[in-house]
Protein backbone atom coordinates (compact mmCIF):
# COMPACT_ATOMS: atom_id res chain seq x y z
CA MET A 1 32.54 40.21 15.59
CA ASP A 2 36.29 40.77 13.76
CA PHE A 3 39.32 38.83 13.09
CA GLU A 4 42.66 39.73 12.50
CA LEU A 5 45.15 38.31 10.52
CA GLU A 6 48.19 37.77 12.60
CA ILE A 7 51.55 35.65 12.96
CA ALA A 8 52.56 35.00 16.20
CA LEU A 9 56.32 34.41 17.58
CA PHE A 10 56.66 31.52 19.58
CA ILE A 11 60.02 32.69 22.58
CA GLY A 12 63.14 29.88 22.50
CA GLY A 13 66.58 30.36 23.89
CA LYS A 14 66.73 31.58 27.67
CA GLY A 15 64.39 34.72 27.62
CA ASN A 16 65.50 37.54 29.65
CA ALA A 17 66.01 38.61 33.93
CA LEU A 18 63.69 40.58 34.86
CA GLY A 19 65.22 44.05 34.43
CA GLU A 20 67.86 42.32 31.57
CA PRO A 21 66.47 44.19 28.43
CA ILE A 22 67.24 41.75 24.84
CA GLY A 23 69.40 44.00 22.44
CA ILE A 24 68.73 43.45 18.46
CA SER A 25 72.04 41.11 18.19
CA SER A 26 71.07 38.53 20.34
CA ALA A 27 67.06 39.05 19.85
CA GLU A 28 66.92 36.13 17.60
CA ASP A 29 68.78 33.80 20.30
CA ASN A 30 65.34 34.18 21.96
CA MET A 31 63.13 33.53 18.91
CA PHE A 32 61.81 29.61 18.53
CA GLY A 33 59.07 29.86 15.56
CA PHE A 34 56.34 31.33 13.95
CA VAL A 35 52.20 30.01 13.78
CA LEU A 36 49.29 31.82 12.12
CA MET A 37 47.38 33.57 14.70
CA ASN A 38 43.42 34.82 14.55
CA ASP A 39 43.56 37.37 17.46
CA TRP A 40 39.47 37.79 17.63
CA SER A 41 38.50 41.15 18.56
CA VAL A 42 35.13 42.96 19.09
CA ARG A 43 34.64 45.50 18.05
CA ASP A 44 31.30 47.30 19.86
CA VAL A 45 33.53 47.21 22.96
CA GLN A 46 36.70 48.06 21.86
CA PRO A 47 36.94 52.26 21.21
CA TRP A 48 34.23 51.94 24.23
CA GLU A 49 37.21 50.46 26.25
CA MET A 50 40.19 52.20 25.35
CA MET A 51 38.62 55.81 26.20
CA PRO A 52 39.63 55.11 29.75
CA LEU A 53 41.52 51.89 29.93
CA GLY A 54 42.44 50.93 26.74
CA PRO A 55 41.68 47.75 24.67
CA PHE A 56 40.63 44.58 27.46
CA THR A 57 37.39 42.65 27.06
CA ALA A 58 37.36 43.37 23.41
CA LYS A 59 40.86 41.64 23.21
CA ASN A 60 41.02 38.59 25.58
CA LEU A 61 37.74 36.92 24.73
CA GLY A 62 39.79 34.32 22.95
CA THR A 63 43.03 33.69 20.59
CA SER A 64 43.64 30.39 17.60
CA ILE A 65 47.02 29.85 16.39
CA SER A 66 47.81 26.66 13.46
CA PRO A 67 49.02 23.39 15.00
CA TRP A 68 52.59 23.57 13.41
CA ILE A 69 55.16 25.87 14.78
CA VAL A 70 57.55 26.89 11.50
CA THR A 71 61.20 27.36 13.28
CA LEU A 72 63.42 30.26 12.20
CA GLU A 73 66.15 28.11 10.67
CA ALA A 74 62.83 26.66 8.32
CA LEU A 75 62.14 30.08 7.46
CA GLU A 76 66.09 30.97 6.61
CA PRO A 77 65.40 30.76 2.20
CA PHE A 78 62.79 33.50 3.40
CA ARG A 79 64.05 36.22 5.18
CA VAL A 80 64.15 39.75 3.14
CA ALA A 81 63.99 43.44 4.13
CA ALA A 82 61.58 45.41 6.03
CA PRO A 83 59.81 48.32 5.07
CA GLU A 84 61.92 50.90 5.01
CA LYS A 85 60.86 53.50 8.30
CA ASN A 86 60.56 57.28 8.30
CA PRO A 87 61.41 58.58 11.07
CA PRO A 88 64.57 56.36 11.60
CA ASN A 89 64.67 53.97 14.15
CA LEU A 90 65.87 54.82 17.46
CA SER A 91 69.51 53.42 17.29
CA TYR A 92 68.89 50.41 19.61
CA LEU A 93 65.77 49.02 16.87
CA VAL A 94 68.54 49.18 14.32
CA ASP A 95 68.92 46.22 12.66
CA LYS A 96 70.75 46.34 9.75
CA GLY A 97 69.81 42.37 8.39
CA LYS A 98 66.85 41.01 6.38
CA SER A 99 64.32 40.70 9.47
CA ASN A 100 61.07 39.97 8.13
CA TYR A 101 60.34 37.19 6.24
CA ASP A 102 58.01 36.65 2.96
CA ILE A 103 54.66 34.34 4.29
CA HIS A 104 51.83 34.87 2.19
CA LEU A 105 48.53 34.89 3.56
CA GLU A 106 44.93 34.36 2.45
CA VAL A 107 41.73 34.21 5.04
CA TYR A 108 38.66 32.72 3.80
CA ILE A 109 34.68 32.83 5.16
CA ALA A 110 32.57 29.55 5.74
CA THR A 111 29.14 30.80 6.91
CA LYS A 112 25.84 28.90 8.07
CA GLY A 113 23.98 28.63 4.72
CA HIS A 114 28.03 28.28 2.80
CA LYS A 115 29.43 25.35 4.58
CA ASP A 116 32.44 25.76 1.46
CA PRO A 117 34.44 28.54 2.45
CA VAL A 118 35.29 31.62 0.60
CA LYS A 119 38.66 33.66 0.16
CA LEU A 120 37.58 37.02 1.60
CA THR A 121 41.33 38.39 1.82
CA GLN A 122 45.44 37.77 1.71
CA SER A 123 48.65 39.76 3.01
CA ASN A 124 52.04 39.11 2.96
CA PHE A 125 54.35 38.93 6.33
CA LYS A 126 56.84 40.76 4.81
CA TYR A 127 54.38 44.01 4.96
CA MET A 128 55.28 43.96 8.75
CA TYR A 129 56.41 47.27 9.74
CA TRP A 130 58.13 46.41 13.01
CA SER A 131 60.03 43.28 12.81
CA ALA A 132 59.48 40.65 15.05
CA LYS A 133 63.25 40.52 16.44
CA GLN A 134 62.68 44.82 17.15
CA GLN A 135 59.07 43.68 18.53
CA VAL A 136 61.78 41.65 21.14
CA VAL A 137 63.58 44.62 21.24
CA GLN A 138 60.74 46.74 22.53
CA HIS A 139 58.85 44.31 24.73
CA THR A 140 62.46 43.99 26.83
CA VAL A 141 63.80 47.84 26.82
CA THR A 142 62.03 48.79 30.10
CA GLY A 143 63.45 45.40 31.52
CA CYS A 144 60.11 43.30 31.29
CA ASN A 145 61.39 39.53 31.30
CA LEU A 146 59.98 36.96 28.10
CA LYS A 147 60.41 33.46 29.19
CA PRO A 148 60.68 30.14 26.56
CA GLY A 149 56.75 29.19 25.41
CA ASP A 150 55.13 33.67 25.56
CA LEU A 151 53.55 34.25 22.36
CA LEU A 152 54.38 37.13 20.93
CA GLY A 153 51.67 38.87 18.28
CA SER A 154 52.60 40.50 15.20
CA GLY A 155 49.84 42.84 15.08
CA THR A 156 46.70 43.10 11.65
CA ILE A 157 49.45 42.20 8.71
CA SER A 158 47.60 44.22 6.31
CA GLY A 159 49.50 45.81 3.30
CA PRO A 160 50.25 48.97 0.90
CA ASP A 161 48.44 47.68 -1.67
CA GLY A 162 44.82 47.32 -0.90
CA GLN A 163 45.98 43.94 1.54
CA MET A 164 43.71 44.49 4.85
CA GLY A 165 43.89 41.90 7.36
CA SER A 166 40.27 42.46 9.17
CA PHE A 167 36.79 43.15 8.13
CA ILE A 168 36.95 46.94 9.91
CA GLU A 169 39.39 47.71 7.17
CA LEU A 170 37.23 45.58 4.48
CA SER A 171 34.10 47.03 5.11
CA TRP A 172 35.74 51.01 6.50
CA ASN A 173 33.56 49.85 9.65
CA GLY A 174 30.94 48.55 8.77
CA LYS A 175 30.39 51.37 6.19
CA ASN A 176 30.60 49.07 2.68
CA PRO A 177 29.75 45.44 3.17
CA VAL A 178 31.89 43.18 2.29
CA LEU A 179 30.87 40.74 -1.19
CA LEU A 180 31.07 37.19 -0.74
CA SER A 181 31.19 35.04 -3.72
CA ASN A 182 28.60 32.90 -2.12
CA GLY A 183 26.09 35.82 -2.70
CA GLU A 184 26.46 36.44 0.94
CA SER A 185 27.65 39.82 2.46
CA ARG A 186 29.53 40.33 6.05
CA THR A 187 30.16 43.52 7.28
CA PHE A 188 31.75 41.89 10.18
CA ILE A 189 31.55 38.21 11.63
CA GLU A 190 28.80 36.72 12.27
CA ASP A 191 27.23 33.40 14.46
CA GLY A 192 27.24 30.65 12.72
CA ASP A 193 30.69 32.13 10.83
CA GLU A 194 33.69 30.06 10.80
CA ILE A 195 37.17 31.78 9.65
CA ILE A 196 40.44 30.23 8.18
CA PHE A 197 43.17 31.29 8.24
CA ARG A 198 46.06 29.51 5.81
CA GLY A 199 49.66 30.78 5.23
CA TRP A 200 52.97 29.28 3.68
CA ALA A 201 56.30 30.47 2.71
CA GLN A 202 56.89 29.59 -1.15
CA GLY A 203 60.15 27.82 -2.40
CA GLN A 204 61.28 26.28 -5.51
CA GLY A 205 59.31 23.29 -5.76
CA HIS A 206 58.17 23.18 -2.41
CA ARG A 207 56.33 25.02 0.01
CA ILE A 208 57.00 25.12 3.88
CA GLY A 209 52.89 25.56 5.30
CA PHE A 210 52.02 26.65 9.02
CA GLY A 211 48.59 24.24 8.75
CA GLU A 212 45.24 26.07 8.74
CA CYS A 213 44.13 28.70 11.80
CA ARG A 214 40.82 27.73 12.20
CA GLY A 215 37.50 29.19 14.38
CA GLU A 216 33.46 29.47 14.47
CA MET A 217 31.65 32.02 15.78
CA LEU A 218 29.29 30.84 18.69
CA PRO A 219 26.62 32.99 20.03
CA ALA A 220 27.34 34.92 22.94
CA HIS A 221 26.29 33.79 26.54
CA PRO A 222 22.77 35.91 27.71
CA ILE A 223 24.78 37.54 30.97
CA ASP A 224 22.63 37.52 33.69
CA ASP A 225 22.19 41.15 35.28
CA ASP A 226 19.68 40.72 37.98
CA ASP A 227 21.20 41.64 41.34
CA GLU A 228 18.25 39.53 43.25
């Protein structure tokens, strides 16, 4: 089991009718706000499914989000430029404005034996190669419709200077155990572990937060494979 550090976008506005794409200039009219999101992943199952099908049950078992939706208006002072694209964007994805957000992110783990959370990793939403605006545009370019209340995950938020947004990155796919400050080690999540995301945008003398995104890993239900 693994976590994936993400931020998710709630769609607002009117959305788009089936068959009608959303252009880059109107993408923000359909963006309401952001939450922290943990896209739980089963790494043992994921590569098996990817060969014939693509990720499916490895990714659909659960999603956790933080309690507060932070609107675009609240995040306006924290806009930053997205990373340079190489090769350049296709024309319909070109965005000349500042479309990323400076949101500091941290991941903590509380284990069954040590309930005080210890820090695992940190990153920042500004590192995303594709902005949320571009994701909205790409999602609808072939006419797929979005409706208010739909939720779009950002994908894992890693970074250019060793920031890693999952255990598969932190442990190099389980090859290098991660030593925790409580004396334990992990390559992936174990039963009884609680994963906690925290994130905020820091201003001059004030901070805009999302609340914590928390989830505890419980033992799996046994699978009854008796055909009788």
